PDB file of N, CA and C in Angstrom:
ATOM      1  N   MET A   1      -1.110 -50.788  58.892  1.00  0.00           N
ATOM      2  CA  MET A   1      -0.823 -49.763  59.871  1.00  0.00           C
ATOM      3  C   MET A   1       0.388 -50.139  60.745  1.00  0.00           C
ATOM      4  N   ARG A   2       0.528 -51.442  61.048  1.00  0.00           N
ATOM      5  CA  ARG A   2       1.663 -51.880  61.865  1.00  0.00           C
ATOM      6  C   ARG A   2       2.993 -51.608  61.166  1.00  0.00           C
ATOM      7  N   LYS A   3       3.035 -51.837  59.841  1.00  0.00           N
ATOM      8  CA  LYS A   3       4.270 -51.581  59.095  1.00  0.00           C
ATOM      9  C   LYS A   3       4.586 -50.090  59.086  1.00  0.00           C
ATOM     10  N   TYR A   4       3.547 -49.277  58.989  1.00  0.00           N
ATOM     11  CA  TYR A   4       3.733 -47.823  58.992  1.00  0.00           C
ATOM     12  C   TYR A   4       4.336 -47.383  60.321  1.00  0.00           C
ATOM     13  N   ILE A   5       3.814 -47.916  61.419  1.00  0.00           N
ATOM     14  CA  ILE A   5       4.330 -47.582  62.746  1.00  0.00           C
ATOM     15  C   ILE A   5       5.759 -48.087  62.901  1.00  0.00           C
ATOM     16  N   LYS A   6       6.033 -49.289  62.411  1.00  0.00           N
ATOM     17  CA  LYS A   6       7.390 -49.836  62.482  1.00  0.00           C
ATOM     18  C   LYS A   6       8.363 -48.973  61.673  1.00  0.00           C
ATOM     19  N   ASN A   7       7.953 -48.588  60.457  1.00  0.00           N
ATOM     20  CA  ASN A   7       8.805 -47.733  59.628  1.00  0.00           C
ATOM     21  C   ASN A   7       9.063 -46.395  60.307  1.00  0.00           C
ATOM     22  N   PHE A   8       8.013 -45.802  60.879  1.00  0.00           N
ATOM     23  CA  PHE A   8       8.180 -44.523  61.561  1.00  0.00           C
ATOM     24  C   PHE A   8       9.098 -44.678  62.763  1.00  0.00           C
ATOM     25  N   SER A   9       8.991 -45.802  63.457  1.00  0.00           N
ATOM     26  CA  SER A   9       9.854 -46.054  64.614  1.00  0.00           C
ATOM     27  C   SER A   9      11.320 -46.120  64.203  1.00  0.00           C
ATOM     28  N   VAL A  10      11.603 -46.797  63.102  1.00  0.00           N
ATOM     29  CA  VAL A  10      12.980 -46.866  62.595  1.00  0.00           C
ATOM     30  C   VAL A  10      13.460 -45.464  62.213  1.00  0.00           C
ATOM     31  N   PHE A  11      12.610 -44.700  61.529  1.00  0.00           N
ATOM     32  CA  PHE A  11      12.908 -43.321  61.139  1.00  0.00           C
ATOM     33  C   PHE A  11      13.220 -42.483  62.382  1.00  0.00           C
ATOM     34  N   LEU A  12      12.424 -42.661  63.420  1.00  0.00           N
ATOM     35  CA  LEU A  12      12.577 -41.909  64.658  1.00  0.00           C
ATOM     36  C   LEU A  12      13.871 -42.279  65.382  1.00  0.00           C
ATOM     37  N   VAL A  13      14.180 -43.560  65.466  1.00  0.00           N
ATOM     38  CA  VAL A  13      15.399 -44.013  66.148  1.00  0.00           C
ATOM     39  C   VAL A  13      16.641 -43.507  65.420  1.00  0.00           C
ATOM     40  N   ILE A  14      16.652 -43.605  64.106  1.00  0.00           N
ATOM     41  CA  ILE A  14      17.803 -43.115  63.332  1.00  0.00           C
ATOM     42  C   ILE A  14      17.970 -41.613  63.537  1.00  0.00           C
ATOM     43  N   GLY A  15      16.871 -40.877  63.509  1.00  0.00           N
ATOM     44  CA  GLY A  15      16.927 -39.432  63.746  1.00  0.00           C
ATOM     45  C   GLY A  15      17.416 -39.090  65.140  1.00  0.00           C
ATOM     46  N   ALA A  16      16.980 -39.865  66.137  1.00  0.00           N
ATOM     47  CA  ALA A  16      17.413 -39.617  67.517  1.00  0.00           C
ATOM     48  C   ALA A  16      18.905 -39.896  67.681  1.00  0.00           C
ATOM     49  N   VAL A  17      19.373 -41.005  67.121  1.00  0.00           N
ATOM     50  CA  VAL A  17      20.803 -41.329  67.193  1.00  0.00           C
ATOM     51  C   VAL A  17      21.617 -40.247  66.492  1.00  0.00           C
ATOM     52  N   GLN A  18      21.140 -39.794  65.360  1.00  0.00           N
ATOM     53  CA  GLN A  18      21.827 -38.727  64.618  1.00  0.00           C
ATOM     54  C   GLN A  18      21.900 -37.457  65.460  1.00  0.00           C
ATOM     55  N   SER A  19      20.829 -37.117  66.134  1.00  0.00           N
ATOM     56  CA  SER A  19      20.811 -35.904  66.960  1.00  0.00           C
ATOM     57  C   SER A  19      21.794 -36.005  68.121  1.00  0.00           C
ATOM     58  N   VAL A  20      21.792 -37.138  68.806  1.00  0.00           N
ATOM     59  CA  VAL A  20      22.715 -37.343  69.928  1.00  0.00           C
ATOM     60  C   VAL A  20      24.160 -37.320  69.432  1.00  0.00           C
ATOM     61  N   LEU A  21      24.425 -37.987  68.323  1.00  0.00           N
ATOM     62  CA  LEU A  21      25.769 -38.006  67.756  1.00  0.00           C
ATOM     63  C   LEU A  21      26.225 -36.597  67.375  1.00  0.00           C
ATOM     64  N   GLN A  22      25.333 -35.818  66.786  1.00  0.00           N
ATOM     65  CA  GLN A  22      25.689 -34.454  66.388  1.00  0.00           C
ATOM     66  C   GLN A  22      26.012 -33.599  67.611  1.00  0.00           C
ATOM     67  N   VAL A  23      25.187 -33.668  68.637  1.00  0.00           N
ATOM     68  CA  VAL A  23      25.448 -32.903  69.858  1.00  0.00           C
ATOM     69  C   VAL A  23      26.785 -33.326  70.476  1.00  0.00           C
ATOM     70  N   PHE A  24      27.021 -34.638  70.545  1.00  0.00           N
ATOM     71  CA  PHE A  24      28.266 -35.146  71.119  1.00  0.00           C
ATOM     72  C   PHE A  24      29.485 -34.662  70.335  1.00  0.00           C
ATOM     73  N   LEU A  25      29.435 -34.812  69.010  1.00  0.00           N
ATOM     74  CA  LEU A  25      30.573 -34.398  68.181  1.00  0.00           C
ATOM     75  C   LEU A  25      30.846 -32.901  68.301  1.00  0.00           C
ATOM     76  N   LEU A  26      29.787 -32.110  68.283  1.00  0.00           N
ATOM     77  CA  LEU A  26      29.979 -30.661  68.392  1.00  0.00           C
ATOM     78  C   LEU A  26      30.520 -30.285  69.767  1.00  0.00           C
ATOM     79  N   TRP A  27      30.062 -30.960  70.800  1.00  0.00           N
ATOM     80  CA  TRP A  27      30.568 -30.698  72.150  1.00  0.00           C
ATOM     81  C   TRP A  27      32.061 -30.996  72.225  1.00  0.00           C
ATOM     82  N   VAL A  28      32.450 -32.172  71.735  1.00  0.00           N
ATOM     83  CA  VAL A  28      33.863 -32.563  71.799  1.00  0.00           C
ATOM     84  C   VAL A  28      34.722 -31.649  70.927  1.00  0.00           C
ATOM     85  N   LEU A  29      34.313 -31.446  69.701  1.00  0.00           N
ATOM     86  CA  LEU A  29      35.153 -30.710  68.752  1.00  0.00           C
ATOM     87  C   LEU A  29      35.218 -29.206  69.037  1.00  0.00           C
ATOM     88  N   ILE A  30      34.108 -28.630  69.517  1.00  0.00           N
ATOM     89  CA  ILE A  30      34.091 -27.177  69.749  1.00  0.00           C
ATOM     90  C   ILE A  30      34.439 -26.837  71.199  1.00  0.00           C
ATOM     91  N   ASP A  31      33.725 -27.451  72.139  1.00  0.00           N
ATOM     92  CA  ASP A  31      33.914 -27.073  73.543  1.00  0.00           C
ATOM     93  C   ASP A  31      35.196 -27.633  74.155  1.00  0.00           C
ATOM     94  N   ILE A  32      35.570 -28.839  73.771  1.00  0.00           N
ATOM     95  CA  ILE A  32      36.750 -29.455  74.388  1.00  0.00           C
ATOM     96  C   ILE A  32      38.009 -29.213  73.558  1.00  0.00           C
ATOM     97  N   LEU A  33      37.941 -29.517  72.248  1.00  0.00           N
ATOM     98  CA  LEU A  33      39.131 -29.386  71.399  1.00  0.00           C
ATOM     99  C   LEU A  33      39.313 -27.988  70.801  1.00  0.00           C
ATOM    100  N   LYS A  34      38.309 -27.131  70.972  1.00  0.00           N
ATOM    101  CA  LYS A  34      38.381 -25.706  70.576  1.00  0.00           C
ATOM    102  C   LYS A  34      38.548 -25.471  69.075  1.00  0.00           C
ATOM    103  N   PHE A  35      37.938 -26.339  68.255  1.00  0.00           N
ATOM    104  CA  PHE A  35      37.932 -26.104  66.817  1.00  0.00           C
ATOM    105  C   PHE A  35      37.024 -24.924  66.493  1.00  0.00           C
ATOM    106  N   ASN A  36      37.207 -24.339  65.314  1.00  0.00           N
ATOM    107  CA  ASN A  36      36.378 -23.226  64.864  1.00  0.00           C
ATOM    108  C   ASN A  36      34.919 -23.659  64.762  1.00  0.00           C
ATOM    109  N   THR A  37      34.041 -22.924  65.409  1.00  0.00           N
ATOM    110  CA  THR A  37      32.625 -23.283  65.496  1.00  0.00           C
ATOM    111  C   THR A  37      31.955 -23.371  64.134  1.00  0.00           C
ATOM    112  N   LEU A  38      32.119 -22.358  63.304  1.00  0.00           N
ATOM    113  CA  LEU A  38      31.443 -22.321  62.006  1.00  0.00           C
ATOM    114  C   LEU A  38      31.898 -23.462  61.102  1.00  0.00           C
ATOM    115  N   ILE A  39      33.189 -23.677  61.040  1.00  0.00           N
ATOM    116  CA  ILE A  39      33.722 -24.724  60.166  1.00  0.00           C
ATOM    117  C   ILE A  39      33.296 -26.109  60.649  1.00  0.00           C
ATOM    118  N   ILE A  40      33.473 -26.375  61.932  1.00  0.00           N
ATOM    119  CA  ILE A  40      33.145 -27.702  62.469  1.00  0.00           C
ATOM    120  C   ILE A  40      31.641 -27.967  62.412  1.00  0.00           C
ATOM    121  N   THR A  41      30.826 -26.972  62.745  1.00  0.00           N
ATOM    122  CA  THR A  41      29.375 -27.159  62.685  1.00  0.00           C
ATOM    123  C   THR A  41      28.942 -27.483  61.263  1.00  0.00           C
ATOM    124  N   THR A  42      29.510 -26.796  60.291  1.00  0.00           N
ATOM    125  CA  THR A  42      29.179 -27.049  58.890  1.00  0.00           C
ATOM    126  C   THR A  42      29.576 -28.470  58.491  1.00  0.00           C
ATOM    127  N   ILE A  43      30.792 -28.855  58.806  1.00  0.00           N
ATOM    128  CA  ILE A  43      31.281 -30.190  58.432  1.00  0.00           C
ATOM    129  C   ILE A  43      30.460 -31.287  59.106  1.00  0.00           C
ATOM    130  N   VAL A  44      30.241 -31.164  60.408  1.00  0.00           N
ATOM    131  CA  VAL A  44      29.507 -32.191  61.155  1.00  0.00           C
ATOM    132  C   VAL A  44      28.061 -32.271  60.681  1.00  0.00           C
ATOM    133  N   THR A  45      27.413 -31.127  60.501  1.00  0.00           N
ATOM    134  CA  THR A  45      26.007 -31.113  60.079  1.00  0.00           C
ATOM    135  C   THR A  45      25.837 -31.751  58.704  1.00  0.00           C
ATOM    136  N   ILE A  46      26.670 -31.376  57.759  1.00  0.00           N
ATOM    137  CA  ILE A  46      26.581 -31.953  56.410  1.00  0.00           C
ATOM    138  C   ILE A  46      26.931 -33.435  56.443  1.00  0.00           C
ATOM    139  N   GLY A  47      27.979 -33.781  57.168  1.00  0.00           N
ATOM    140  CA  GLY A  47      28.389 -35.180  57.253  1.00  0.00           C
ATOM    141  C   GLY A  47      27.307 -36.068  57.845  1.00  0.00           C
ATOM    142  N   ILE A  48      26.696 -35.615  58.910  1.00  0.00           N
ATOM    143  CA  ILE A  48      25.648 -36.413  59.544  1.00  0.00           C
ATOM    144  C   ILE A  48      24.390 -36.450  58.680  1.00  0.00           C
ATOM    145  N   TYR A  49      24.076 -35.366  58.004  1.00  0.00           N
ATOM    146  CA  TYR A  49      22.924 -35.320  57.098  1.00  0.00           C
ATOM    147  C   TYR A  49      23.063 -36.388  56.003  1.00  0.00           C
ATOM    148  N   VAL A  50      24.226 -36.444  55.382  1.00  0.00           N
ATOM    149  CA  VAL A  50      24.481 -37.425  54.320  1.00  0.00           C
ATOM    150  C   VAL A  50      24.530 -38.832  54.908  1.00  0.00           C
ATOM    151  N   ALA A  51      25.206 -38.993  56.043  1.00  0.00           N
ATOM    152  CA  ALA A  51      25.304 -40.313  56.675  1.00  0.00           C
ATOM    153  C   ALA A  51      23.924 -40.838  57.058  1.00  0.00           C
ATOM    154  N   LYS A  52      23.067 -39.959  57.564  1.00  0.00           N
ATOM    155  CA  LYS A  52      21.721 -40.386  57.955  1.00  0.00           C
ATOM    156  C   LYS A  52      20.954 -40.922  56.756  1.00  0.00           C
ATOM    157  N   TYR A  53      21.079 -40.280  55.623  1.00  0.00           N
ATOM    158  CA  TYR A  53      20.416 -40.760  54.405  1.00  0.00           C
ATOM    159  C   TYR A  53      20.905 -42.169  54.061  1.00  0.00           C
ATOM    160  N   TYR A  54      22.215 -42.359  54.080  1.00  0.00           N
ATOM    161  CA  TYR A  54      22.756 -43.667  53.731  1.00  0.00           C
ATOM    162  C   TYR A  54      22.410 -44.737  54.769  1.00  0.00           C
ATOM    163  N   VAL A  55      22.244 -44.354  56.021  1.00  0.00           N
ATOM    164  CA  VAL A  55      21.767 -45.313  57.027  1.00  0.00           C
ATOM    165  C   VAL A  55      20.332 -45.707  56.697  1.00  0.00           C
ATOM    166  N   TYR A  56      19.490 -44.735  56.330  1.00  0.00           N
ATOM    167  CA  TYR A  56      18.111 -45.046  55.915  1.00  0.00           C
ATOM    168  C   TYR A  56      18.112 -46.058  54.769  1.00  0.00           C
ATOM    169  N   VAL A  57      18.976 -45.835  53.798  1.00  0.00           N
ATOM    170  CA  VAL A  57      19.055 -46.732  52.644  1.00  0.00           C
ATOM    171  C   VAL A  57      19.616 -48.087  53.072  1.00  0.00           C
ATOM    172  N   PHE A  58      20.684 -48.081  53.876  1.00  0.00           N
ATOM    173  CA  PHE A  58      21.336 -49.322  54.306  1.00  0.00           C
ATOM    174  C   PHE A  58      20.391 -50.238  55.085  1.00  0.00           C
ATOM    175  N   VAL A  59      19.590 -49.680  55.979  1.00  0.00           N
ATOM    176  CA  VAL A  59      18.669 -50.511  56.773  1.00  0.00           C
ATOM    177  C   VAL A  59      17.411 -50.865  55.991  1.00  0.00           C
ATOM    178  N   GLY A  60      17.317 -50.346  54.772  1.00  0.00           N
ATOM    179  CA  GLY A  60      16.189 -50.684  53.909  1.00  0.00           C
ATOM    180  C   GLY A  60      14.948 -49.833  54.120  1.00  0.00           C
ATOM    181  N   LEU A  61      15.063 -48.769  54.906  1.00  0.00           N
ATOM    182  CA  LEU A  61      13.901 -47.912  55.150  1.00  0.00           C
ATOM    183  C   LEU A  61      13.552 -47.073  53.933  1.00  0.00           C
ATOM    184  N   MET A  62      14.576 -46.586  53.223  1.00  0.00           N
ATOM    185  CA  MET A  62      14.338 -45.707  52.081  1.00  0.00           C
ATOM    186  C   MET A  62      14.990 -46.236  50.823  1.00  0.00           C
ATOM    187  N   LYS A  63      14.378 -45.849  49.713  1.00  0.00           N
ATOM    188  CA  LYS A  63      14.969 -46.137  48.407  1.00  0.00           C
ATOM    189  C   LYS A  63      16.107 -45.164  48.164  1.00  0.00           C
ATOM    190  N   ASN A  64      17.033 -45.537  47.327  1.00  0.00           N
ATOM    191  CA  ASN A  64      18.198 -44.721  47.029  1.00  0.00           C
ATOM    192  C   ASN A  64      17.816 -43.611  46.046  1.00  0.00           C
ATOM    193  N   GLN A  65      17.256 -42.524  46.578  1.00  0.00           N
ATOM    194  CA  GLN A  65      16.831 -41.371  45.775  1.00  0.00           C
ATOM    195  C   GLN A  65      17.299 -40.093  46.479  1.00  0.00           C
ATOM    196  N   PHE A  66      18.597 -39.848  46.421  1.00  0.00           N
ATOM    197  CA  PHE A  66      19.216 -38.768  47.183  1.00  0.00           C
ATOM    198  C   PHE A  66      18.680 -37.391  46.803  1.00  0.00           C
ATOM    199  N   MET A  67      18.445 -37.145  45.533  1.00  0.00           N
ATOM    200  CA  MET A  67      17.949 -35.816  45.124  1.00  0.00           C
ATOM    201  C   MET A  67      16.553 -35.556  45.693  1.00  0.00           C
ATOM    202  N   LYS A  68      15.697 -36.562  45.644  1.00  0.00           N
ATOM    203  CA  LYS A  68      14.346 -36.422  46.197  1.00  0.00           C
ATOM    204  C   LYS A  68      14.430 -36.173  47.706  1.00  0.00           C
ATOM    205  N   TYR A  69      15.321 -36.882  48.374  1.00  0.00           N
ATOM    206  CA  TYR A  69      15.552 -36.705  49.812  1.00  0.00           C
ATOM    207  C   TYR A  69      15.949 -35.256  50.104  1.00  0.00           C
ATOM    208  N   ASN A  70      16.855 -34.706  49.305  1.00  0.00           N
ATOM    209  CA  ASN A  70      17.305 -33.324  49.491  1.00  0.00           C
ATOM    210  C   ASN A  70      16.187 -32.324  49.261  1.00  0.00           C
ATOM    211  N   VAL A  71      15.421 -32.512  48.211  1.00  0.00           N
ATOM    212  CA  VAL A  71      14.333 -31.583  47.889  1.00  0.00           C
ATOM    213  C   VAL A  71      13.296 -31.557  49.013  1.00  0.00           C
ATOM    214  N   ILE A  72      12.917 -32.735  49.498  1.00  0.00           N
ATOM    215  CA  ILE A  72      11.919 -32.813  50.576  1.00  0.00           C
ATOM    216  C   ILE A  72      12.460 -32.170  51.849  1.00  0.00           C
ATOM    217  N   ASN A  73      13.690 -32.460  52.203  1.00  0.00           N
ATOM    218  CA  ASN A  73      14.277 -31.858  53.405  1.00  0.00           C
ATOM    219  C   ASN A  73      14.402 -30.346  53.283  1.00  0.00           C
ATOM    220  N   LEU A  74      14.840 -29.867  52.132  1.00  0.00           N
ATOM    221  CA  LEU A  74      14.980 -28.424  51.929  1.00  0.00           C
ATOM    222  C   LEU A  74      13.621 -27.728  51.993  1.00  0.00           C
ATOM    223  N   ALA A  75      12.623 -28.300  51.331  1.00  0.00           N
ATOM    224  CA  ALA A  75      11.289 -27.694  51.334  1.00  0.00           C
ATOM    225  C   ALA A  75      10.702 -27.653  52.745  1.00  0.00           C
ATOM    226  N   THR A  76      10.812 -28.745  53.488  1.00  0.00           N
ATOM    227  CA  THR A  76      10.248 -28.749  54.837  1.00  0.00           C
ATOM    228  C   THR A  76      11.039 -27.826  55.769  1.00  0.00           C
ATOM    229  N   MET A  77      12.345 -27.684  55.530  1.00  0.00           N
ATOM    230  CA  MET A  77      13.150 -26.777  56.332  1.00  0.00           C
ATOM    231  C   MET A  77      12.712 -25.326  56.116  1.00  0.00           C
ATOM    232  N   VAL A  78      12.485 -24.946  54.865  1.00  0.00           N
ATOM    233  CA  VAL A  78      12.048 -23.584  54.556  1.00  0.00           C
ATOM    234  C   VAL A  78      10.683 -23.297  55.200  1.00  0.00           C
ATOM    235  N   VAL A  79       9.758 -24.234  55.076  1.00  0.00           N
ATOM    236  CA  VAL A  79       8.431 -24.051  55.677  1.00  0.00           C
ATOM    237  C   VAL A  79       8.547 -23.994  57.202  1.00  0.00           C
ATOM    238  N   SER A  80       9.418 -24.807  57.778  1.00  0.00           N
ATOM    239  CA  SER A  80       9.624 -24.799  59.226  1.00  0.00           C
ATOM    240  C   SER A  80      10.178 -23.450  59.692  1.00  0.00           C
ATOM    241  N   ILE A  81      11.134 -22.923  58.971  1.00  0.00           N
ATOM    242  CA  ILE A  81      11.708 -21.612  59.312  1.00  0.00           C
ATOM    243  C   ILE A  81      10.634 -20.534  59.256  1.00  0.00           C
ATOM    244  N   LEU A  82       9.830 -20.557  58.209  1.00  0.00           N
ATOM    245  CA  LEU A  82       8.745 -19.579  58.093  1.00  0.00           C
ATOM    246  C   LEU A  82       7.727 -19.733  59.222  1.00  0.00           C
ATOM    247  N   ALA A  83       7.409 -20.971  59.585  1.00  0.00           N
ATOM    248  CA  ALA A  83       6.450 -21.221  60.653  1.00  0.00           C
ATOM    249  C   ALA A  83       6.976 -20.711  61.997  1.00  0.00           C
ATOM    250  N   ILE A  84       8.255 -20.933  62.275  1.00  0.00           N
ATOM    251  CA  ILE A  84       8.845 -20.423  63.519  1.00  0.00           C
ATOM    252  C   ILE A  84       8.790 -18.903  63.532  1.00  0.00           C
ATOM    253  N   TRP A  85       9.124 -18.298  62.437  1.00  0.00           N
ATOM    254  CA  TRP A  85       9.097 -16.835  62.321  1.00  0.00           C
ATOM    255  C   TRP A  85       7.691 -16.295  62.593  1.00  0.00           C
ATOM    256  N   ILE A  86       6.693 -16.918  61.986  1.00  0.00           N
ATOM    257  CA  ILE A  86       5.304 -16.477  62.167  1.00  0.00           C
ATOM    258  C   ILE A  86       4.869 -16.651  63.619  1.00  0.00           C
ATOM    259  N   LEU A  87       5.149 -17.813  64.195  1.00  0.00           N
ATOM    260  CA  LEU A  87       4.735 -18.062  65.579  1.00  0.00           C
ATOM    261  C   LEU A  87       5.417 -17.111  66.565  1.00  0.00           C
ATOM    262  N   VAL A  88       6.687 -16.815  66.348  1.00  0.00           N
ATOM    263  CA  VAL A  88       7.428 -15.962  67.278  1.00  0.00           C
ATOM    264  C   VAL A  88       7.096 -14.483  67.056  1.00  0.00           C
ATOM    265  N   ASP A  89       7.217 -14.015  65.821  1.00  0.00           N
ATOM    266  CA  ASP A  89       7.081 -12.580  65.563  1.00  0.00           C
ATOM    267  C   ASP A  89       5.640 -12.086  65.437  1.00  0.00           C
ATOM    268  N   PHE A  90       4.727 -12.943  65.027  1.00  0.00           N
ATOM    269  CA  PHE A  90       3.344 -12.491  64.831  1.00  0.00           C
ATOM    270  C   PHE A  90       2.392 -12.965  65.929  1.00  0.00           C
ATOM    271  N   PHE A  91       2.688 -14.120  66.529  1.00  0.00           N
ATOM    272  CA  PHE A  91       1.800 -14.657  67.553  1.00  0.00           C
ATOM    273  C   PHE A  91       2.396 -14.582  68.957  1.00  0.00           C
ATOM    274  N   GLY A  92       3.642 -14.140  69.056  1.00  0.00           N
ATOM    275  CA  GLY A  92       4.260 -13.922  70.351  1.00  0.00           C
ATOM    276  C   GLY A  92       4.686 -15.173  71.106  1.00  0.00           C
ATOM    277  N   TRP A  93       4.821 -16.303  70.415  1.00  0.00           N
ATOM    278  CA  TRP A  93       5.282 -17.529  71.069  1.00  0.00           C
ATOM    279  C   TRP A  93       6.757 -17.383  71.420  1.00  0.00           C
ATOM    280  N   TYR A  94       7.183 -18.083  72.440  1.00  0.00           N
ATOM    281  CA  TYR A  94       8.611 -18.179  72.728  1.00  0.00           C
ATOM    282  C   TYR A  94       9.268 -19.036  71.647  1.00  0.00           C
ATOM    283  N   ALA A  95      10.486 -18.673  71.273  1.00  0.00           N
ATOM    284  CA  ALA A  95      11.194 -19.421  70.237  1.00  0.00           C
ATOM    285  C   ALA A  95      11.400 -20.878  70.660  1.00  0.00           C
ATOM    286  N   SER A  96      11.710 -21.095  71.923  1.00  0.00           N
ATOM    287  CA  SER A  96      11.952 -22.464  72.390  1.00  0.00           C
ATOM    288  C   SER A  96      10.700 -23.330  72.259  1.00  0.00           C
ATOM    289  N   ILE A  97       9.550 -22.772  72.610  1.00  0.00           N
ATOM    290  CA  ILE A  97       8.291 -23.525  72.528  1.00  0.00           C
ATOM    291  C   ILE A  97       7.926 -23.789  71.068  1.00  0.00           C
ATOM    292  N   SER A  98       7.986 -22.754  70.248  1.00  0.00           N
ATOM    293  CA  SER A  98       7.611 -22.937  68.838  1.00  0.00           C
ATOM    294  C   SER A  98       8.544 -23.914  68.143  1.00  0.00           C
ATOM    295  N   THR A  99       9.828 -23.862  68.472  1.00  0.00           N
ATOM    296  CA  THR A  99      10.791 -24.774  67.854  1.00  0.00           C
ATOM    297  C   THR A  99      10.516 -26.220  68.257  1.00  0.00           C
ATOM    298  N   MET A 100      10.229 -26.454  69.541  1.00  0.00           N
ATOM    299  CA  MET A 100       9.937 -27.819  69.992  1.00  0.00           C
ATOM    300  C   MET A 100       8.658 -28.357  69.355  1.00  0.00           C
ATOM    301  N   VAL A 101       7.610 -27.546  69.344  1.00  0.00           N
ATOM    302  CA  VAL A 101       6.334 -27.981  68.766  1.00  0.00           C
ATOM    303  C   VAL A 101       6.501 -28.283  67.279  1.00  0.00           C
ATOM    304  N   LEU A 102       7.142 -27.366  66.570  1.00  0.00           N
ATOM    305  CA  LEU A 102       7.306 -27.559  65.130  1.00  0.00           C
ATOM    306  C   LEU A 102       8.283 -28.675  64.794  1.00  0.00           C
ATOM    307  N   ALA A 103       9.258 -28.927  65.652  1.00  0.00           N
ATOM    308  CA  ALA A 103      10.186 -30.040  65.405  1.00  0.00           C
ATOM    309  C   ALA A 103       9.427 -31.361  65.366  1.00  0.00           C
ATOM    310  N   VAL A 104       8.496 -31.536  66.286  1.00  0.00           N
ATOM    311  CA  VAL A 104       7.693 -32.758  66.312  1.00  0.00           C
ATOM    312  C   VAL A 104       6.781 -32.825  65.090  1.00  0.00           C
ATOM    313  N   ILE A 105       6.128 -31.710  64.785  1.00  0.00           N
ATOM    314  CA  ILE A 105       5.218 -31.675  63.630  1.00  0.00           C
ATOM    315  C   ILE A 105       5.971 -31.983  62.343  1.00  0.00           C
ATOM    316  N   PHE A 106       7.135 -31.365  62.163  1.00  0.00           N
ATOM    317  CA  PHE A 106       7.873 -31.554  60.919  1.00  0.00           C
ATOM    318  C   PHE A 106       8.579 -32.903  60.851  1.00  0.00           C
ATOM    319  N   LEU A 107       8.879 -33.500  61.990  1.00  0.00           N
ATOM    320  CA  LEU A 107       9.399 -34.862  61.993  1.00  0.00           C
ATOM    321  C   LEU A 107       8.369 -35.806  61.381  1.00  0.00           C
ATOM    322  N   VAL A 108       7.147 -35.707  61.863  1.00  0.00           N
ATOM    323  CA  VAL A 108       6.065 -36.545  61.339  1.00  0.00           C
ATOM    324  C   VAL A 108       5.773 -36.186  59.885  1.00  0.00           C
ATOM    325  N   LEU A 109       5.696 -34.894  59.588  1.00  0.00           N
ATOM    326  CA  LEU A 109       5.388 -34.442  58.229  1.00  0.00           C
ATOM    327  C   LEU A 109       6.415 -34.932  57.220  1.00  0.00           C
ATOM    328  N   ARG A 110       7.714 -34.845  57.572  1.00  0.00           N
ATOM    329  CA  ARG A 110       8.761 -35.311  56.655  1.00  0.00           C
ATOM    330  C   ARG A 110       8.611 -36.799  56.367  1.00  0.00           C
ATOM    331  N   PHE A 111       8.325 -37.578  57.397  1.00  0.00           N
ATOM    332  CA  PHE A 111       8.140 -39.007  57.186  1.00  0.00           C
ATOM    333  C   PHE A 111       6.957 -39.274  56.266  1.00  0.00           C
ATOM    334  N   VAL A 112       5.845 -38.587  56.498  1.00  0.00           N
ATOM    335  CA  VAL A 112       4.657 -38.766  55.656  1.00  0.00           C
ATOM    336  C   VAL A 112       4.955 -38.371  54.212  1.00  0.00           C
ATOM    337  N   ILE A 113       5.673 -37.276  54.019  1.00  0.00           N
ATOM    338  CA  ILE A 113       6.024 -36.838  52.660  1.00  0.00           C
ATOM    339  C   ILE A 113       6.959 -37.845  51.998  1.00  0.00           C
ATOM    340  N   PHE A 114       7.963 -38.326  52.737  1.00  0.00           N
ATOM    341  CA  PHE A 114       8.849 -39.365  52.186  1.00  0.00           C
ATOM    342  C   PHE A 114       8.030 -40.573  51.753  1.00  0.00           C
ATOM    343  N   ASP A 115       7.077 -40.962  52.585  1.00  0.00           N
ATOM    344  CA  ASP A 115       6.228 -42.121  52.278  1.00  0.00           C
ATOM    345  C   ASP A 115       5.375 -41.856  51.040  1.00  0.00           C
ATOM    346  N   LYS A 116       4.717 -40.701  50.997  1.00  0.00           N
ATOM    347  CA  LYS A 116       3.846 -40.371  49.854  1.00  0.00           C
ATOM    348  C   LYS A 116       4.640 -40.197  48.567  1.00  0.00           C
ATOM    349  N   ALA A 117       5.914 -39.808  48.691  1.00  0.00           N
ATOM    350  CA  ALA A 117       6.782 -39.636  47.517  1.00  0.00           C
ATOM    351  C   ALA A 117       7.332 -40.976  47.035  1.00  0.00           C
ATOM    352  N   GLY A 118       6.959 -42.051  47.716  1.00  0.00           N
ATOM    353  CA  GLY A 118       7.403 -43.376  47.305  1.00  0.00           C
ATOM    354  C   GLY A 118       8.814 -43.717  47.708  1.00  0.00           C
ATOM    355  N   MET A 119       9.339 -43.038  48.707  1.00  0.00           N
ATOM    356  CA  MET A 119      10.720 -43.275  49.113  1.00  0.00           C
ATOM    357  C   MET A 119      10.849 -44.306  50.237  1.00  0.00           C
ATOM    358  N   VAL A 120       9.775 -44.549  50.988  1.00  0.00           N
ATOM    359  CA  VAL A 120       9.852 -45.426  52.155  1.00  0.00           C
ATOM    360  C   VAL A 120       9.530 -46.868  51.741  1.00  0.00           C
ATOM    361  N   ASN A 121      10.434 -47.759  52.106  1.00  0.00           N
ATOM    362  CA  ASN A 121      10.212 -49.198  51.925  1.00  0.00           C
ATOM    363  C   ASN A 121       9.565 -49.736  53.187  1.00  0.00           C
ATOM    364  N   ASN A 122       8.965 -50.899  53.100  1.00  0.00           N
ATOM    365  CA  ASN A 122       8.469 -51.575  54.293  1.00  0.00           C
ATOM    366  C   ASN A 122       9.599 -52.379  54.908  1.00  0.00           C
ATOM    367  N   VAL A 123       9.974 -52.035  56.136  1.00  0.00           N
ATOM    368  CA  VAL A 123      11.066 -52.732  56.806  1.00  0.00           C
ATOM    369  C   VAL A 123      10.519 -53.931  57.549  1.00  0.00           C
TER     370      VAL A 123
END
């Protein structure tokens, strides 16, 4: 159980750094330097997504299985989008609340799925 918590902690720290870096880059490139929002957001999001995977591999948290990583992320993203839609449009939740709640749930869920798929190493 301790290794599981340690692995999740590494997963969480990498995700947090990625989030802060993405917000910072988008702020500088869009708000300060006035680059095109759609183009820069696409480039930064894809770049950080790929970089985050390679950081996971570099620190030894994940095995080098990029296609499996993509499939799991895409599947959880689709389910997350559907869940937000259901909570907002059918249950009347605020989008901000449903997004925050589901972000935490899907963070944990993605890690568990990565682990069950055999992608997580013991760090």
